[in-house]
């Protein structure tokens, strides 16, 4: 069984998409090869990004085959939802799902490969002074995102990209398979959402202050909740990954 859904805007790429399950392993330029594999292809003058999701374990093969949407499908559909709400993500082209004998096997998410100027993971080793304006604009963007009732459940720094246009930061969200839409986002939910962000305490403090002011939240309460969740998350993370830190410029958190 193969299920393929293509964005009508990119109908001209149908042959490329349909052939991907057979050609992916031996074509394209690999840009990431870890839990999942990401490759870039040059097709008809377009740079196309293809994410091949890791084959799920046997339990999840049943789950995805019966009642849960695949990561590829969610990525595609959530990208369309983001675009509808006026937020940026690399344009969704298609998704592919493969199954066999009633079990889910593989999936691919295909999107335009955006040329960006940076990503928020840079804050892990950057300085506060060099990134102050980035942090301010990122805070206001996040407030706007949350006011539109869009919640990225993996709001980590590697999933937030940006371009700089006439001095303004234009943000893009990626890794979209875990998102929620159309639910009010409370202060506590937002503070919990910030726990994974990289950067120094000073950076996070400015970000949270700007965010709270944008949403008319109590700044002190928002800071307190954010640092509570942040400390708990990174303490647990460090136990599993000794030496890990959200900020390394000075060698300490």
Protein backbone atom coordinates (compact mmCIF):
# COMPACT_ATOMS: atom_id res chain seq x y z
CA UNK A 1 0.00 0.00 0.00
CA UNK A 2 1.26 3.46 -0.93
CA UNK A 3 -0.62 6.65 -0.12
CA UNK A 4 0.57 9.84 -1.81
CA UNK A 5 -0.92 13.30 -1.35
CA UNK A 6 0.45 16.21 -3.40
CA UNK A 7 -0.16 19.91 -2.91
CA UNK A 8 -1.97 21.08 -6.09
CA UNK A 9 0.46 24.02 -6.28
CA UNK A 10 3.25 21.54 -7.04
CA UNK A 11 1.45 19.18 -9.40
CA UNK A 12 4.39 19.46 -11.80
CA UNK A 13 6.50 17.48 -9.31
CA UNK A 14 4.16 14.48 -9.30
CA UNK A 15 6.55 12.15 -11.16
CA UNK A 16 9.40 12.99 -8.79
CA UNK A 17 7.20 12.44 -5.74
CA UNK A 18 5.76 9.14 -6.93
CA UNK A 19 9.22 7.77 -7.70
CA UNK A 20 10.74 8.77 -4.35
CA UNK A 21 10.21 5.45 -2.52
CA UNK A 22 12.38 3.78 -5.19
CA UNK A 23 14.95 6.55 -5.73
CA UNK A 24 15.46 8.13 -2.31
CA UNK A 25 18.24 5.83 -1.08
CA UNK A 26 20.58 6.40 -4.03
CA UNK A 27 19.82 9.97 -5.16
CA UNK A 28 19.85 13.46 -3.67
CA UNK A 29 22.31 15.19 -1.32
CA UNK A 30 22.18 14.04 2.30
CA UNK A 31 22.12 16.98 4.72
CA UNK A 32 21.20 15.04 7.86
CA UNK A 33 21.43 11.36 8.70
CA UNK A 34 20.39 10.53 12.24
CA UNK A 35 17.15 9.26 13.64
CA UNK A 36 15.59 10.46 10.38
CA UNK A 37 17.25 11.18 7.04
CA UNK A 38 16.96 14.49 5.19
CA UNK A 39 18.04 14.98 1.59
CA UNK A 40 17.94 17.89 -0.85
CA UNK A 41 17.07 17.45 -4.53
CA UNK A 42 17.21 19.87 -7.48
CA UNK A 43 14.05 19.24 -9.47
CA UNK A 44 12.81 21.43 -12.32
CA UNK A 45 14.67 24.43 -10.97
CA UNK A 46 13.37 23.95 -7.44
CA UNK A 47 15.39 22.88 -4.41
CA UNK A 48 13.30 20.24 -2.68
CA UNK A 49 13.77 18.95 0.87
CA UNK A 50 12.75 15.34 1.58
CA UNK A 51 12.54 13.97 5.11
CA UNK A 52 12.43 10.20 5.44
CA UNK A 53 11.10 9.25 8.85
CA UNK A 54 12.61 6.35 10.73
CA UNK A 55 10.66 3.12 10.41
CA UNK A 56 8.54 2.80 13.59
CA UNK A 57 8.68 -0.16 15.95
CA UNK A 58 6.17 -2.96 15.52
CA UNK A 59 3.68 -1.47 18.00
CA UNK A 60 3.66 1.87 16.24
CA UNK A 61 3.40 0.14 12.87
CA UNK A 62 0.01 -1.05 14.07
CA UNK A 63 -0.87 2.32 15.65
CA UNK A 64 -0.06 4.33 12.51
CA UNK A 65 -1.85 1.80 10.31
CA UNK A 66 -5.07 1.96 12.31
CA UNK A 67 -5.84 5.19 14.11
CA UNK A 68 -2.93 7.63 14.34
CA UNK A 69 -1.82 9.88 11.49
CA UNK A 70 1.77 9.45 10.34
CA UNK A 71 4.41 12.05 11.12
CA UNK A 72 4.68 12.81 7.41
CA UNK A 73 0.96 13.45 7.04
CA UNK A 74 0.84 15.60 10.16
CA UNK A 75 3.85 17.60 8.97
CA UNK A 76 2.14 18.25 5.62
CA UNK A 77 -1.28 19.12 7.02
CA UNK A 78 0.10 21.28 9.83
CA UNK A 79 2.24 23.18 7.32
CA UNK A 80 -0.90 23.99 5.35
CA UNK A 81 -2.62 25.11 8.56
CA UNK A 82 0.30 27.39 9.40
CA UNK A 83 0.18 28.95 5.95
CA UNK A 84 -3.56 29.51 6.28
CA UNK A 85 -2.95 31.37 9.55
CA UNK A 86 -0.24 33.54 8.00
CA UNK A 87 2.84 31.92 9.52
CA UNK A 88 5.85 30.71 7.59
CA UNK A 89 7.23 27.22 7.13
CA UNK A 90 9.01 25.72 4.12
CA UNK A 91 6.20 25.29 1.59
CA UNK A 92 4.65 21.80 1.78
CA UNK A 93 4.79 19.81 -1.45
CA UNK A 94 3.60 16.29 -0.58
CA UNK A 95 3.71 13.34 1.74
CA UNK A 96 4.06 9.61 1.15
CA UNK A 97 3.00 6.70 3.36
CA UNK A 98 3.97 3.08 2.72
CA UNK A 99 2.46 0.00 4.29
CA UNK A 100 2.61 -3.75 3.92
CA UNK A 101 0.44 -6.60 5.21
CA UNK A 102 -1.71 -4.20 7.21
CA UNK A 103 1.27 -2.55 8.92
CA UNK A 104 2.65 0.96 8.50
CA UNK A 105 6.26 0.96 7.26
CA UNK A 106 7.74 4.20 5.94
CA UNK A 107 6.82 7.82 5.29
CA UNK A 108 8.29 10.85 3.57
CA UNK A 109 7.55 14.56 3.90
CA UNK A 110 8.48 16.75 0.94
CA UNK A 111 8.81 20.54 1.10
CA UNK A 112 10.63 23.42 -0.54
CA UNK A 113 14.21 23.79 0.71
CA UNK A 114 14.43 27.31 2.12
CA UNK A 115 17.70 29.23 2.12
CA UNK A 116 17.84 30.77 5.58
CA UNK A 117 20.11 33.22 7.37
CA UNK A 118 20.16 31.40 10.69
CA UNK A 119 18.37 29.40 13.33
CA UNK A 120 17.72 29.87 17.02
CA UNK A 121 20.19 27.13 17.98
CA UNK A 122 22.88 29.78 17.47
CA UNK A 123 21.90 31.21 20.86
CA UNK A 124 23.57 28.23 22.50
CA UNK A 125 26.99 29.81 21.95
CA UNK A 126 26.09 33.41 21.05
CA UNK A 127 26.33 36.53 23.19
CA UNK A 128 23.43 38.48 24.62
CA UNK A 129 24.59 41.77 23.05
CA UNK A 130 24.85 40.31 19.56
CA UNK A 131 21.40 38.71 19.76
CA UNK A 132 19.33 41.21 21.71
CA UNK A 133 17.25 42.36 18.74
CA UNK A 134 16.77 38.78 17.56
CA UNK A 135 15.43 37.87 21.00
CA UNK A 136 13.04 40.81 21.07
CA UNK A 137 11.60 40.07 17.66
CA UNK A 138 11.42 36.35 18.43
CA UNK A 139 9.45 37.10 21.60
CA UNK A 140 6.90 39.21 19.72
CA UNK A 141 6.63 36.57 17.00
CA UNK A 142 5.98 33.87 19.62
CA UNK A 143 3.32 36.01 21.29
CA UNK A 144 1.62 36.50 17.92
CA UNK A 145 1.84 32.75 17.26
CA UNK A 146 0.23 31.93 20.60
CA UNK A 147 -2.45 34.59 20.27
CA UNK A 148 -3.38 32.90 16.99
CA UNK A 149 -3.75 29.69 19.02
CA UNK A 150 -0.83 27.90 17.36
CA UNK A 151 1.27 25.77 19.71
CA UNK A 152 4.40 23.99 18.49
CA UNK A 153 4.81 21.20 21.04
CA UNK A 154 8.53 20.82 20.30
CA UNK A 155 9.44 24.50 20.49
CA UNK A 156 13.17 23.88 20.55
CA UNK A 157 15.78 26.16 19.05
CA UNK A 158 16.65 23.83 16.17
CA UNK A 159 13.06 23.98 14.94
CA UNK A 160 12.97 27.77 14.55
CA UNK A 161 14.70 29.27 11.52
CA UNK A 162 14.94 32.85 10.32
CA UNK A 163 15.70 35.12 7.41
CA UNK A 164 16.69 38.77 7.72
CA UNK A 165 14.81 41.14 5.42
CA UNK A 166 15.55 44.87 5.72
CA UNK A 167 16.62 44.44 9.33
CA UNK A 168 13.56 42.42 10.29
CA UNK A 169 13.70 38.79 11.34
CA UNK A 170 11.28 36.54 9.45
CA UNK A 171 10.74 33.27 11.34
CA UNK A 172 10.01 29.81 9.94
CA UNK A 173 8.85 26.76 11.90
CA UNK A 174 10.01 23.25 11.00
CA UNK A 175 9.60 19.73 12.39
CA UNK A 176 5.86 20.17 12.53
CA UNK A 177 4.54 16.71 13.38
CA UNK A 178 3.67 17.73 16.97
CA UNK A 179 1.42 20.78 17.01
CA UNK A 180 -1.91 21.98 18.40
CA UNK A 181 -4.27 24.51 16.84
CA UNK A 182 -7.30 26.51 17.88
CA UNK A 183 -6.93 26.15 21.65
CA UNK A 184 -6.32 29.14 23.93
CA UNK A 185 -2.71 29.20 25.18
CA UNK A 186 -2.45 30.18 28.84
CA UNK A 187 0.56 31.72 30.55
CA UNK A 188 1.43 28.41 32.18
CA UNK A 189 1.18 26.51 28.89
CA UNK A 190 3.42 29.08 27.23
CA UNK A 191 6.02 28.98 30.01
CA UNK A 192 6.13 25.19 29.82
CA UNK A 193 6.51 25.48 26.04
CA UNK A 194 9.70 27.55 26.49
CA UNK A 195 11.55 24.94 28.56
CA UNK A 196 13.61 23.55 25.64
CA UNK A 197 14.90 26.85 24.29
CA UNK A 198 18.67 27.32 24.14
CA UNK A 199 20.52 30.38 25.37
CA UNK A 200 21.79 31.96 28.57
CA UNK A 201 19.55 32.87 31.49
CA UNK A 202 19.95 36.51 30.45
CA UNK A 203 18.70 35.71 26.95
CA UNK A 204 15.71 33.75 28.20
CA UNK A 205 14.88 36.48 30.71
CA UNK A 206 14.68 39.14 27.97
CA UNK A 207 12.67 36.84 25.73
CA UNK A 208 10.15 36.06 28.47
CA UNK A 209 9.84 39.70 29.56
CA UNK A 210 9.07 40.78 26.01
CA UNK A 211 6.67 37.89 25.49
CA UNK A 212 4.78 38.56 28.73
CA UNK A 213 4.44 42.27 27.97
CA UNK A 214 3.15 41.47 24.47
CA UNK A 215 0.41 39.26 25.93
CA UNK A 216 -0.32 41.40 28.99
CA UNK A 217 0.83 38.66 31.35
CA UNK A 218 2.40 39.39 34.72
CA UNK A 219 6.12 39.50 33.93
CA UNK A 220 7.34 38.23 37.31
CA UNK A 221 4.95 35.27 37.25
CA UNK A 222 5.87 34.41 33.68
CA UNK A 223 9.59 34.51 34.50
CA UNK A 224 9.11 32.38 37.60
CA UNK A 225 7.13 29.69 35.77
CA UNK A 226 9.49 29.62 32.78
CA UNK A 227 12.63 29.17 34.87
CA UNK A 228 10.91 26.54 36.99
CA UNK A 229 10.07 24.44 33.92
CA UNK A 230 13.42 25.21 32.30
CA UNK A 231 15.42 24.06 35.34
CA UNK A 232 13.37 20.88 35.66
CA UNK A 233 13.70 20.02 31.98
CA UNK A 234 17.43 20.59 31.75
CA UNK A 235 18.14 18.81 35.02
CA UNK A 236 16.40 15.71 33.67
CA UNK A 237 18.08 16.10 30.30
CA UNK A 238 21.55 16.34 31.86
CA UNK A 239 20.99 13.12 33.78
CA UNK A 240 20.46 11.31 30.49
CA UNK A 241 23.08 13.34 28.60
CA UNK A 242 25.93 14.25 30.98
CA UNK A 243 27.59 17.53 30.09
CA UNK A 244 24.66 18.82 28.05
CA UNK A 245 23.68 22.48 28.53
CA UNK A 246 21.37 25.00 26.86
CA UNK A 247 24.21 27.51 26.88
CA UNK A 248 27.92 26.88 26.40
CA UNK A 249 29.58 30.20 25.68
CA UNK A 250 31.00 30.34 29.21
CA UNK A 251 31.00 26.61 29.79
CA UNK A 252 28.16 26.84 32.33
CA UNK A 253 24.42 27.40 32.35
